[in-house]
Amino acid sequence: MIAVVDYGAGNLRSVTNALAKLGYGMKITSRPDDILSAQAVILPGVGAAGDTMKSLEELGMVEPIRQFIAAGRPFLGICIGLQMLFTGTEEGGWHDCLGVLPGRVRRLPGGLKIPHMGWNQVKQKTAHPVFDGIPDEANFYFVHSYYAEPEDSSLVAGETEYGISFCSVVARGSLVATQFHPEKSGEYGLKMYDNFIRFALRAG
């Protein structure tokens, strides 16, 4: 089972439509037990990080997600789903996040049009199955005002330029997260979802 986490504000329709287009079944869920029994978990994201963390806590999802990732099982975070993985975020004042990865989420620098919205290139920094069949510097669709700054540079699988060079893909084993929205990124976005799920099924 592929579990898509529903915390009340995720970009669920676009994500599930993308998975359905690829021919995969999935379960939209807000039940902690479904997380722990899933083959793969997708945490989509739209909205504010603090509100997202509060919703996950209220649903009892925080510890199951941490356990799932700690066990080395396939997890994909999208946009806010990437930012939630880090120690905390500066969005709206300091908010603790899942703390799965060391680092913090910062606001994009001043002087830029915020949010960063539209197509931009992703420079691949490491080899990972999620990039199979996707050319280096392919374009993906972004909508965000904050970016993750990992303490461990080896976590950065992809980088994007927008005033600064920021982390746009995180990868550590079976854990993958993107700052952009693959479900809104056309052919290469669908390919990334397909790569992740194929990787997850092999791992399972």
N, C-alpha and C. Protein backbone atom coordinates (compact mmCIF):
# COMPACT_ATOMS: atom_id res chain seq x y z
N MET A 1 0.83 -1.20 0.00
CA MET A 1 0.00 0.00 0.00
C MET A 1 0.87 1.26 0.00
N ILE A 2 0.53 2.20 -0.86
CA ILE A 2 1.17 3.51 -0.85
C ILE A 2 0.26 4.44 -0.06
N ALA A 3 0.73 4.95 1.05
CA ALA A 3 -0.07 5.84 1.91
C ALA A 3 0.26 7.29 1.58
N VAL A 4 -0.78 8.07 1.28
CA VAL A 4 -0.64 9.51 1.06
C VAL A 4 -1.23 10.20 2.28
N VAL A 5 -0.41 10.92 3.02
CA VAL A 5 -0.83 11.49 4.30
C VAL A 5 -1.78 12.66 4.08
N ASP A 6 -2.94 12.58 4.72
CA ASP A 6 -3.94 13.65 4.68
C ASP A 6 -3.95 14.32 6.06
N TYR A 7 -3.36 15.52 6.13
CA TYR A 7 -3.37 16.27 7.39
C TYR A 7 -4.23 17.52 7.28
N GLY A 8 -5.09 17.54 6.26
CA GLY A 8 -6.07 18.62 6.14
C GLY A 8 -5.66 19.76 5.25
N ALA A 9 -4.42 19.77 4.79
CA ALA A 9 -3.97 20.91 3.97
C ALA A 9 -3.03 20.49 2.84
N GLY A 10 -2.87 19.20 2.64
CA GLY A 10 -1.95 18.74 1.62
C GLY A 10 -2.50 18.91 0.22
N ASN A 11 -1.61 18.83 -0.75
CA ASN A 11 -1.97 18.96 -2.16
C ASN A 11 -2.43 17.59 -2.67
N LEU A 12 -3.50 17.08 -2.06
CA LEU A 12 -3.86 15.68 -2.25
C LEU A 12 -4.35 15.36 -3.65
N ARG A 13 -5.23 16.20 -4.19
CA ARG A 13 -5.83 15.86 -5.49
C ARG A 13 -4.77 15.74 -6.58
N SER A 14 -3.86 16.72 -6.65
CA SER A 14 -2.83 16.68 -7.69
C SER A 14 -1.92 15.47 -7.53
N VAL A 15 -1.57 15.15 -6.28
CA VAL A 15 -0.69 14.01 -6.03
C VAL A 15 -1.39 12.70 -6.40
N THR A 16 -2.60 12.52 -5.93
CA THR A 16 -3.30 11.26 -6.21
C THR A 16 -3.64 11.13 -7.69
N ASN A 17 -3.93 12.24 -8.36
CA ASN A 17 -4.16 12.18 -9.81
C ASN A 17 -2.91 11.73 -10.55
N ALA A 18 -1.74 12.23 -10.10
CA ALA A 18 -0.49 11.83 -10.73
C ALA A 18 -0.24 10.33 -10.54
N LEU A 19 -0.47 9.83 -9.33
CA LEU A 19 -0.26 8.41 -9.06
C LEU A 19 -1.23 7.55 -9.86
N ALA A 20 -2.50 8.02 -9.95
CA ALA A 20 -3.50 7.27 -10.70
C ALA A 20 -3.14 7.24 -12.19
N LYS A 21 -2.62 8.35 -12.70
CA LYS A 21 -2.21 8.41 -14.10
C LYS A 21 -1.13 7.39 -14.40
N LEU A 22 -0.28 7.14 -13.41
CA LEU A 22 0.79 6.16 -13.56
C LEU A 22 0.30 4.72 -13.34
N GLY A 23 -0.95 4.59 -12.90
CA GLY A 23 -1.52 3.26 -12.71
C GLY A 23 -1.33 2.68 -11.33
N TYR A 24 -0.94 3.50 -10.36
CA TYR A 24 -0.71 2.99 -9.01
C TYR A 24 -1.93 3.25 -8.12
N GLY A 25 -2.23 2.26 -7.28
CA GLY A 25 -3.24 2.46 -6.25
C GLY A 25 -2.60 3.13 -5.05
N MET A 26 -3.40 3.83 -4.28
CA MET A 26 -2.90 4.49 -3.09
C MET A 26 -4.03 4.61 -2.07
N LYS A 27 -3.67 4.91 -0.86
CA LYS A 27 -4.66 5.14 0.19
C LYS A 27 -4.40 6.50 0.80
N ILE A 28 -5.38 7.39 0.72
CA ILE A 28 -5.29 8.68 1.40
C ILE A 28 -5.69 8.44 2.85
N THR A 29 -4.83 8.83 3.77
CA THR A 29 -5.09 8.44 5.16
C THR A 29 -4.64 9.49 6.17
N SER A 30 -5.36 9.53 7.26
CA SER A 30 -4.94 10.32 8.43
C SER A 30 -4.84 9.40 9.65
N ARG A 31 -4.70 8.09 9.40
CA ARG A 31 -4.62 7.10 10.48
C ARG A 31 -3.17 6.68 10.71
N PRO A 32 -2.67 6.83 11.93
CA PRO A 32 -1.28 6.42 12.22
C PRO A 32 -0.99 4.97 11.87
N ASP A 33 -1.95 4.06 12.10
CA ASP A 33 -1.71 2.65 11.81
C ASP A 33 -1.44 2.40 10.33
N ASP A 34 -2.07 3.19 9.47
CA ASP A 34 -1.84 3.03 8.03
C ASP A 34 -0.42 3.39 7.64
N ILE A 35 0.16 4.35 8.36
CA ILE A 35 1.54 4.74 8.07
C ILE A 35 2.47 3.56 8.34
N LEU A 36 2.31 2.96 9.48
CA LEU A 36 3.23 1.89 9.88
C LEU A 36 3.08 0.63 9.05
N SER A 37 1.92 0.43 8.40
CA SER A 37 1.71 -0.77 7.60
C SER A 37 1.94 -0.54 6.11
N ALA A 38 2.26 0.68 5.72
CA ALA A 38 2.41 1.02 4.31
C ALA A 38 3.73 0.51 3.74
N GLN A 39 3.76 0.27 2.42
CA GLN A 39 5.01 -0.02 1.72
C GLN A 39 5.81 1.25 1.48
N ALA A 40 5.09 2.34 1.26
CA ALA A 40 5.72 3.64 1.03
C ALA A 40 4.78 4.71 1.54
N VAL A 41 5.35 5.83 1.98
CA VAL A 41 4.55 6.95 2.49
C VAL A 41 4.93 8.20 1.71
N ILE A 42 3.92 8.96 1.30
CA ILE A 42 4.11 10.25 0.64
C ILE A 42 3.48 11.33 1.50
N LEU A 43 4.28 12.33 1.85
CA LEU A 43 3.79 13.48 2.62
C LEU A 43 3.78 14.70 1.70
N PRO A 44 2.61 15.03 1.13
CA PRO A 44 2.54 16.18 0.24
C PRO A 44 2.46 17.47 1.03
N GLY A 45 2.58 18.60 0.35
CA GLY A 45 2.60 19.83 1.13
C GLY A 45 2.15 21.07 0.41
N VAL A 46 1.25 21.77 1.06
CA VAL A 46 0.86 23.13 0.69
C VAL A 46 0.48 23.81 1.99
N GLY A 47 0.92 25.06 2.18
CA GLY A 47 0.52 25.78 3.38
C GLY A 47 1.69 26.12 4.27
N ALA A 48 1.38 26.47 5.52
CA ALA A 48 2.38 26.93 6.48
C ALA A 48 2.94 25.75 7.27
N ALA A 49 4.24 25.80 7.52
CA ALA A 49 4.92 24.70 8.21
C ALA A 49 4.39 24.50 9.63
N GLY A 50 4.19 25.61 10.36
CA GLY A 50 3.70 25.50 11.73
C GLY A 50 2.34 24.83 11.80
N ASP A 51 1.44 25.21 10.89
CA ASP A 51 0.11 24.60 10.85
C ASP A 51 0.19 23.13 10.48
N THR A 52 1.10 22.79 9.57
CA THR A 52 1.28 21.41 9.17
C THR A 52 1.73 20.55 10.34
N MET A 53 2.73 21.04 11.07
CA MET A 53 3.24 20.28 12.22
C MET A 53 2.16 20.12 13.28
N LYS A 54 1.39 21.17 13.52
CA LYS A 54 0.30 21.09 14.50
C LYS A 54 -0.72 20.04 14.09
N SER A 55 -1.07 20.00 12.81
CA SER A 55 -2.04 19.02 12.32
C SER A 55 -1.51 17.59 12.47
N LEU A 56 -0.23 17.39 12.12
CA LEU A 56 0.36 16.06 12.26
C LEU A 56 0.37 15.61 13.72
N GLU A 57 0.67 16.54 14.62
CA GLU A 57 0.66 16.21 16.05
C GLU A 57 -0.74 15.84 16.52
N GLU A 58 -1.74 16.62 16.11
CA GLU A 58 -3.12 16.36 16.54
C GLU A 58 -3.64 15.02 16.02
N LEU A 59 -3.16 14.62 14.85
CA LEU A 59 -3.58 13.34 14.27
C LEU A 59 -2.79 12.15 14.80
N GLY A 60 -1.78 12.41 15.62
CA GLY A 60 -0.95 11.34 16.13
C GLY A 60 -0.02 10.74 15.09
N MET A 61 0.32 11.54 14.08
CA MET A 61 1.14 11.06 12.97
C MET A 61 2.63 11.24 13.17
N VAL A 62 3.04 12.08 14.11
CA VAL A 62 4.45 12.45 14.20
C VAL A 62 5.34 11.25 14.50
N GLU A 63 5.02 10.51 15.54
CA GLU A 63 5.88 9.37 15.89
C GLU A 63 5.83 8.26 14.85
N PRO A 64 4.65 7.91 14.29
CA PRO A 64 4.65 6.90 13.23
C PRO A 64 5.51 7.30 12.02
N ILE A 65 5.47 8.56 11.63
CA ILE A 65 6.30 9.00 10.51
C ILE A 65 7.77 8.88 10.87
N ARG A 66 8.14 9.31 12.07
CA ARG A 66 9.54 9.19 12.51
C ARG A 66 9.98 7.73 12.53
N GLN A 67 9.12 6.84 13.04
CA GLN A 67 9.45 5.41 13.11
C GLN A 67 9.61 4.82 11.71
N PHE A 68 8.71 5.20 10.81
CA PHE A 68 8.74 4.69 9.45
C PHE A 68 10.07 5.06 8.78
N ILE A 69 10.46 6.32 8.92
CA ILE A 69 11.72 6.78 8.31
C ILE A 69 12.93 6.14 8.98
N ALA A 70 12.89 6.05 10.32
CA ALA A 70 14.01 5.47 11.06
C ALA A 70 14.25 4.01 10.68
N ALA A 71 13.19 3.33 10.26
CA ALA A 71 13.31 1.93 9.86
C ALA A 71 13.86 1.78 8.44
N GLY A 72 14.14 2.92 7.78
CA GLY A 72 14.72 2.88 6.44
C GLY A 72 13.72 2.53 5.35
N ARG A 73 12.43 2.81 5.62
CA ARG A 73 11.39 2.48 4.65
C ARG A 73 11.14 3.67 3.72
N PRO A 74 10.63 3.42 2.51
CA PRO A 74 10.55 4.48 1.49
C PRO A 74 9.57 5.60 1.84
N PHE A 75 10.08 6.80 1.89
CA PHE A 75 9.30 7.98 2.26
C PHE A 75 9.61 9.10 1.28
N LEU A 76 8.55 9.76 0.79
CA LEU A 76 8.71 10.88 -0.14
C LEU A 76 8.00 12.10 0.43
N GLY A 77 8.76 13.18 0.64
CA GLY A 77 8.19 14.44 1.10
C GLY A 77 8.14 15.44 -0.04
N ILE A 78 7.05 16.19 -0.13
CA ILE A 78 6.86 17.16 -1.21
C ILE A 78 6.67 18.55 -0.62
N CYS A 79 7.51 19.50 -1.01
CA CYS A 79 7.41 20.92 -0.62
C CYS A 79 7.43 21.06 0.91
N ILE A 80 6.30 21.36 1.54
CA ILE A 80 6.26 21.40 3.01
C ILE A 80 6.69 20.05 3.57
N GLY A 81 6.39 18.99 2.84
CA GLY A 81 6.80 17.65 3.27
C GLY A 81 8.31 17.50 3.36
N LEU A 82 9.06 18.24 2.55
CA LEU A 82 10.52 18.30 2.69
C LEU A 82 10.89 19.11 3.91
N GLN A 83 10.32 20.28 4.05
CA GLN A 83 10.69 21.18 5.15
C GLN A 83 10.39 20.56 6.51
N MET A 84 9.32 19.77 6.60
CA MET A 84 8.96 19.13 7.87
C MET A 84 10.01 18.16 8.39
N LEU A 85 10.87 17.68 7.50
CA LEU A 85 11.86 16.68 7.91
C LEU A 85 12.96 17.25 8.78
N PHE A 86 13.15 18.56 8.74
CA PHE A 86 14.31 19.17 9.41
C PHE A 86 14.02 19.52 10.87
N THR A 87 15.05 20.02 11.53
CA THR A 87 14.96 20.31 12.96
C THR A 87 13.86 21.32 13.25
N GLY A 88 13.80 22.38 12.45
CA GLY A 88 12.79 23.40 12.69
C GLY A 88 12.75 24.40 11.56
N THR A 89 11.75 25.28 11.62
CA THR A 89 11.55 26.28 10.58
C THR A 89 11.43 27.67 11.19
N GLU A 90 11.91 28.66 10.46
CA GLU A 90 11.81 30.06 10.87
C GLU A 90 10.51 30.71 10.38
N GLU A 91 9.69 29.95 9.70
CA GLU A 91 8.45 30.50 9.15
C GLU A 91 7.46 30.84 10.28
N GLY A 92 7.08 32.12 10.37
CA GLY A 92 6.13 32.54 11.41
C GLY A 92 6.71 32.44 12.81
N GLY A 93 8.01 32.73 12.96
CA GLY A 93 8.67 32.47 14.24
C GLY A 93 9.17 31.03 14.24
N TRP A 94 9.93 30.66 15.23
CA TRP A 94 10.52 29.32 15.25
C TRP A 94 9.48 28.25 15.57
N HIS A 95 9.47 27.19 14.76
CA HIS A 95 8.62 26.02 15.01
C HIS A 95 9.46 24.77 14.89
N ASP A 96 9.41 23.91 15.89
CA ASP A 96 10.06 22.61 15.78
C ASP A 96 9.34 21.78 14.73
N CYS A 97 10.13 21.01 13.97
CA CYS A 97 9.57 20.12 12.96
C CYS A 97 9.85 18.67 13.36
N LEU A 98 9.85 17.75 12.41
CA LEU A 98 10.00 16.34 12.74
C LEU A 98 11.37 15.99 13.29
N GLY A 99 12.39 16.77 12.91
CA GLY A 99 13.73 16.52 13.44
C GLY A 99 14.37 15.25 12.93
N VAL A 100 13.93 14.78 11.77
CA VAL A 100 14.52 13.58 11.18
C VAL A 100 15.90 13.88 10.60
N LEU A 101 16.05 15.09 10.06
CA LEU A 101 17.31 15.52 9.46
C LEU A 101 17.80 16.79 10.15
N PRO A 102 19.10 16.92 10.40
CA PRO A 102 19.61 18.14 11.04
C PRO A 102 19.64 19.30 10.06
N GLY A 103 19.14 20.43 10.51
CA GLY A 103 19.14 21.62 9.67
C GLY A 103 17.90 22.45 9.94
N ARG A 104 17.84 23.62 9.32
CA ARG A 104 16.70 24.51 9.55
C ARG A 104 16.17 25.03 8.24
N VAL A 105 14.94 25.51 8.30
CA VAL A 105 14.26 26.05 7.13
C VAL A 105 14.26 27.57 7.25
N ARG A 106 14.78 28.25 6.21
CA ARG A 106 14.95 29.70 6.23
C ARG A 106 14.12 30.34 5.10
N ARG A 107 13.85 31.64 5.26
CA ARG A 107 13.16 32.39 4.23
C ARG A 107 14.14 32.72 3.09
N LEU A 108 13.64 32.65 1.87
CA LEU A 108 14.45 33.07 0.73
C LEU A 108 14.88 34.53 0.92
N PRO A 109 16.05 34.90 0.43
CA PRO A 109 16.57 36.24 0.72
C PRO A 109 15.75 37.36 0.08
N GLY A 110 15.86 38.55 0.68
CA GLY A 110 15.17 39.73 0.18
C GLY A 110 15.68 40.14 -1.19
N GLY A 111 14.87 40.95 -1.86
CA GLY A 111 15.23 41.41 -3.19
C GLY A 111 14.75 40.50 -4.30
N LEU A 112 14.15 39.37 -3.94
CA LEU A 112 13.61 38.43 -4.91
C LEU A 112 12.08 38.49 -4.87
N LYS A 113 11.47 38.09 -5.97
CA LYS A 113 10.02 37.94 -5.96
C LYS A 113 9.66 36.72 -5.13
N ILE A 114 8.89 36.95 -4.08
CA ILE A 114 8.51 35.88 -3.15
C ILE A 114 6.98 35.76 -3.17
N PRO A 115 6.44 34.55 -3.31
CA PRO A 115 7.16 33.28 -3.37
C PRO A 115 7.88 33.05 -4.70
N HIS A 116 8.85 32.16 -4.63
CA HIS A 116 9.50 31.64 -5.84
C HIS A 116 8.45 30.74 -6.50
N MET A 117 7.93 31.17 -7.63
CA MET A 117 6.83 30.45 -8.27
C MET A 117 7.11 30.27 -9.75
N GLY A 118 7.03 29.03 -10.21
CA GLY A 118 7.21 28.74 -11.61
C GLY A 118 8.27 27.66 -11.84
N TRP A 119 8.70 27.55 -13.09
CA TRP A 119 9.63 26.49 -13.49
C TRP A 119 11.07 26.91 -13.23
N ASN A 120 11.86 25.95 -12.75
CA ASN A 120 13.27 26.20 -12.52
C ASN A 120 14.03 24.89 -12.61
N GLN A 121 15.33 25.01 -12.87
CA GLN A 121 16.16 23.83 -13.08
C GLN A 121 16.61 23.20 -11.75
N VAL A 122 16.76 21.89 -11.80
CA VAL A 122 17.32 21.15 -10.67
C VAL A 122 18.64 20.52 -11.11
N LYS A 123 19.71 20.95 -10.47
CA LYS A 123 21.04 20.40 -10.72
C LYS A 123 21.24 19.18 -9.83
N GLN A 124 21.42 18.02 -10.44
CA GLN A 124 21.59 16.78 -9.68
C GLN A 124 22.98 16.73 -9.07
N LYS A 125 23.03 16.55 -7.75
CA LYS A 125 24.30 16.54 -7.03
C LYS A 125 24.78 15.13 -6.68
N THR A 126 23.86 14.19 -6.61
CA THR A 126 24.21 12.81 -6.29
C THR A 126 23.41 11.88 -7.19
N ALA A 127 23.90 10.68 -7.39
CA ALA A 127 23.17 9.66 -8.14
C ALA A 127 22.16 9.00 -7.20
N HIS A 128 20.92 8.89 -7.64
CA HIS A 128 19.89 8.23 -6.84
C HIS A 128 18.86 7.67 -7.81
N PRO A 129 18.26 6.51 -7.50
CA PRO A 129 17.26 5.93 -8.40
C PRO A 129 16.09 6.87 -8.74
N VAL A 130 15.82 7.83 -7.87
CA VAL A 130 14.70 8.75 -8.14
C VAL A 130 14.97 9.61 -9.38
N PHE A 131 16.24 9.74 -9.77
CA PHE A 131 16.61 10.54 -10.95
C PHE A 131 16.72 9.70 -12.24
N ASP A 132 16.45 8.40 -12.16
CA ASP A 132 16.60 7.54 -13.35
C ASP A 132 15.77 8.09 -14.52
N GLY A 133 16.43 8.27 -15.65
CA GLY A 133 15.73 8.72 -16.84
C GLY A 133 15.39 10.20 -16.87
N ILE A 134 15.86 10.96 -15.88
CA ILE A 134 15.60 12.40 -15.81
C ILE A 134 16.92 13.12 -16.06
N PRO A 135 16.99 13.96 -17.09
CA PRO A 135 18.26 14.63 -17.40
C PRO A 135 18.65 15.64 -16.32
N ASP A 136 19.94 15.81 -16.15
CA ASP A 136 20.43 16.84 -15.24
C ASP A 136 19.93 18.21 -15.71
N GLU A 137 19.59 19.04 -14.75
CA GLU A 137 19.09 20.40 -14.98
C GLU A 137 17.73 20.42 -15.68
N ALA A 138 16.96 19.35 -15.51
CA ALA A 138 15.57 19.36 -15.97
C ALA A 138 14.78 20.38 -15.15
N ASN A 139 13.71 20.89 -15.74
CA ASN A 139 12.88 21.88 -15.07
C ASN A 139 11.74 21.24 -14.28
N PHE A 140 11.49 21.79 -13.10
CA PHE A 140 10.38 21.36 -12.25
C PHE A 140 9.65 22.60 -11.74
N TYR A 141 8.44 22.40 -11.22
CA TYR A 141 7.59 23.53 -10.84
C TYR A 141 7.65 23.80 -9.33
N PHE A 142 7.98 25.04 -8.98
CA PHE A 142 8.17 25.46 -7.59
C PHE A 142 7.08 26.46 -7.17
N VAL A 143 6.69 26.38 -5.91
CA VAL A 143 5.89 27.42 -5.25
C VAL A 143 6.30 27.42 -3.78
N HIS A 144 7.18 28.35 -3.37
CA HIS A 144 7.62 28.37 -1.98
C HIS A 144 8.30 29.69 -1.65
N SER A 145 8.30 29.99 -0.35
CA SER A 145 8.97 31.19 0.15
C SER A 145 10.13 30.84 1.08
N TYR A 146 10.21 29.58 1.48
CA TYR A 146 11.24 29.12 2.42
C TYR A 146 11.99 27.94 1.80
N TYR A 147 13.20 27.71 2.28
CA TYR A 147 14.03 26.62 1.75
C TYR A 147 14.76 25.96 2.91
N ALA A 148 15.09 24.69 2.72
CA ALA A 148 15.81 23.94 3.75
C ALA A 148 17.31 24.13 3.61
N GLU A 149 17.97 24.24 4.76
CA GLU A 149 19.43 24.36 4.81
C GLU A 149 19.96 23.21 5.66
N PRO A 150 20.27 22.06 5.02
CA PRO A 150 20.75 20.91 5.78
C PRO A 150 22.12 21.18 6.41
N GLU A 151 22.34 20.66 7.60
CA GLU A 151 23.67 20.74 8.22
C GLU A 151 24.64 19.78 7.52
N ASP A 152 24.12 18.67 7.02
CA ASP A 152 24.94 17.66 6.36
C ASP A 152 24.79 17.83 4.85
N SER A 153 25.84 18.31 4.19
CA SER A 153 25.75 18.59 2.75
C SER A 153 25.55 17.33 1.92
N SER A 154 25.85 16.16 2.49
CA SER A 154 25.67 14.92 1.73
C SER A 154 24.20 14.59 1.51
N LEU A 155 23.32 15.26 2.25
CA LEU A 155 21.88 15.06 2.07
C LEU A 155 21.35 15.73 0.81
N VAL A 156 22.09 16.69 0.29
CA VAL A 156 21.62 17.50 -0.84
C VAL A 156 21.81 16.72 -2.14
N ALA A 157 20.70 16.23 -2.69
CA ALA A 157 20.75 15.47 -3.94
C ALA A 157 20.49 16.36 -5.14
N GLY A 158 19.88 17.51 -4.92
CA GLY A 158 19.60 18.44 -6.00
C GLY A 158 19.64 19.87 -5.51
N GLU A 159 20.10 20.78 -6.37
CA GLU A 159 20.17 22.20 -6.02
C GLU A 159 19.51 23.03 -7.12
N THR A 160 18.98 24.18 -6.72
CA THR A 160 18.33 25.10 -7.65
C THR A 160 18.80 26.52 -7.33
N GLU A 161 18.92 27.33 -8.37
CA GLU A 161 19.35 28.73 -8.21
C GLU A 161 18.13 29.65 -8.21
N TYR A 162 18.02 30.44 -7.15
CA TYR A 162 17.02 31.52 -7.12
C TYR A 162 17.55 32.58 -6.14
N GLY A 163 18.39 33.44 -6.65
CA GLY A 163 19.07 34.40 -5.78
C GLY A 163 20.22 33.76 -5.04
N ILE A 164 19.99 32.58 -4.53
CA ILE A 164 21.01 31.75 -3.90
C ILE A 164 20.89 30.35 -4.49
N SER A 165 21.87 29.52 -4.21
CA SER A 165 21.76 28.10 -4.55
C SER A 165 21.18 27.39 -3.33
N PHE A 166 19.99 26.80 -3.48
CA PHE A 166 19.34 26.16 -2.33
C PHE A 166 19.06 24.68 -2.62
N CYS A 167 18.89 23.94 -1.55
CA CYS A 167 18.60 22.51 -1.62
C CYS A 167 17.18 22.30 -2.15
N SER A 168 17.07 21.63 -3.30
CA SER A 168 15.74 21.37 -3.86
C SER A 168 15.37 19.90 -3.86
N VAL A 169 16.34 19.02 -3.60
CA VAL A 169 16.08 17.59 -3.42
C VAL A 169 16.96 17.07 -2.29
N VAL A 170 16.35 16.34 -1.39
CA VAL A 170 17.06 15.67 -0.30
C VAL A 170 16.97 14.17 -0.56
N ALA A 171 18.05 13.46 -0.34
CA ALA A 171 18.00 11.99 -0.45
C ALA A 171 18.94 11.37 0.56
N ARG A 172 18.43 10.37 1.26
CA ARG A 172 19.25 9.57 2.18
C ARG A 172 18.66 8.17 2.19
N GLY A 173 19.26 7.29 1.41
CA GLY A 173 18.73 5.94 1.30
C GLY A 173 17.33 5.95 0.72
N SER A 174 16.37 5.42 1.47
CA SER A 174 14.98 5.33 1.01
C SER A 174 14.17 6.60 1.29
N LEU A 175 14.80 7.59 1.89
CA LEU A 175 14.15 8.87 2.17
C LEU A 175 14.47 9.85 1.04
N VAL A 176 13.43 10.37 0.41
CA VAL A 176 13.59 11.36 -0.66
C VAL A 176 12.60 12.49 -0.40
N ALA A 177 13.00 13.72 -0.68
CA ALA A 177 12.07 14.84 -0.55
C ALA A 177 12.44 15.91 -1.57
N THR A 178 11.42 16.58 -2.09
CA THR A 178 11.62 17.62 -3.09
C THR A 178 10.97 18.92 -2.65
N GLN A 179 11.64 20.04 -2.91
CA GLN A 179 11.05 21.34 -2.62
C GLN A 179 10.02 21.70 -3.70
N PHE A 180 10.20 21.19 -4.89
CA PHE A 180 9.26 21.44 -5.98
C PHE A 180 8.10 20.43 -5.92
N HIS A 181 7.14 20.63 -6.81
CA HIS A 181 5.96 19.75 -6.89
C HIS A 181 6.06 18.86 -8.12
N PRO A 182 6.48 17.60 -7.97
CA PRO A 182 6.54 16.70 -9.14
C PRO A 182 5.19 16.56 -9.83
N GLU A 183 4.10 16.57 -9.05
CA GLU A 183 2.77 16.38 -9.63
C GLU A 183 2.35 17.53 -10.54
N LYS A 184 3.06 18.66 -10.48
CA LYS A 184 2.78 19.81 -11.34
C LYS A 184 3.89 20.03 -12.37
N SER A 185 4.77 19.03 -12.50
CA SER A 185 6.00 19.21 -13.28
C SER A 185 6.04 18.39 -14.56
N GLY A 186 4.89 18.03 -15.08
CA GLY A 186 4.85 17.38 -16.38
C GLY A 186 5.51 16.02 -16.41
N GLU A 187 6.12 15.71 -17.56
CA GLU A 187 6.68 14.38 -17.82
C GLU A 187 7.73 13.98 -16.79
N TYR A 188 8.65 14.89 -16.47
CA TYR A 188 9.73 14.52 -15.55
C TYR A 188 9.23 14.39 -14.11
N GLY A 189 8.21 15.14 -13.76
CA GLY A 189 7.61 14.99 -12.44
C GLY A 189 6.95 13.63 -12.28
N LEU A 190 6.21 13.22 -13.32
CA LEU A 190 5.60 11.88 -13.28
C LEU A 190 6.67 10.80 -13.24
N LYS A 191 7.75 11.02 -13.98
CA LYS A 191 8.84 10.05 -13.98
C LYS A 191 9.46 9.92 -12.60
N MET A 192 9.55 11.03 -11.88
CA MET A 192 10.12 11.00 -10.53
C MET A 192 9.21 10.20 -9.58
N TYR A 193 7.90 10.40 -9.68
CA TYR A 193 6.98 9.59 -8.87
C TYR A 193 7.11 8.11 -9.22
N ASP A 194 7.16 7.81 -10.51
CA ASP A 194 7.28 6.43 -10.95
C ASP A 194 8.58 5.81 -10.43
N ASN A 195 9.67 6.56 -10.53
CA ASN A 195 10.95 6.06 -10.02
C ASN A 195 10.88 5.77 -8.53
N PHE A 196 10.27 6.69 -7.78
CA PHE A 196 10.19 6.50 -6.33
C PHE A 196 9.38 5.25 -5.99
N ILE A 197 8.24 5.08 -6.65
CA ILE A 197 7.38 3.95 -6.30
C ILE A 197 8.02 2.63 -6.74
N ARG A 198 8.65 2.62 -7.90
CA ARG A 198 9.36 1.41 -8.31
C ARG A 198 10.47 1.06 -7.31
N PHE A 199 11.18 2.09 -6.88
CA PHE A 199 12.22 1.92 -5.85
C PHE A 199 11.62 1.37 -4.55
N ALA A 200 10.46 1.92 -4.17
CA ALA A 200 9.79 1.49 -2.94
C ALA A 200 9.34 0.03 -3.04
N LEU A 201 8.80 -0.35 -4.19
CA LEU A 201 8.33 -1.72 -4.35
C LEU A 201 9.49 -2.71 -4.36
N ARG A 202 10.62 -2.31 -4.95
CA ARG A 202 11.82 -3.16 -4.89
C ARG A 202 12.30 -3.31 -3.46
N ALA A 203 12.28 -2.20 -2.72
CA ALA A 203 12.74 -2.22 -1.33
C ALA A 203 11.83 -3.11 -0.49
N GLY A 204 10.53 -3.08 -0.83
CA GLY A 204 9.57 -3.88 -0.07
C GLY A 204 9.70 -5.38 -0.36
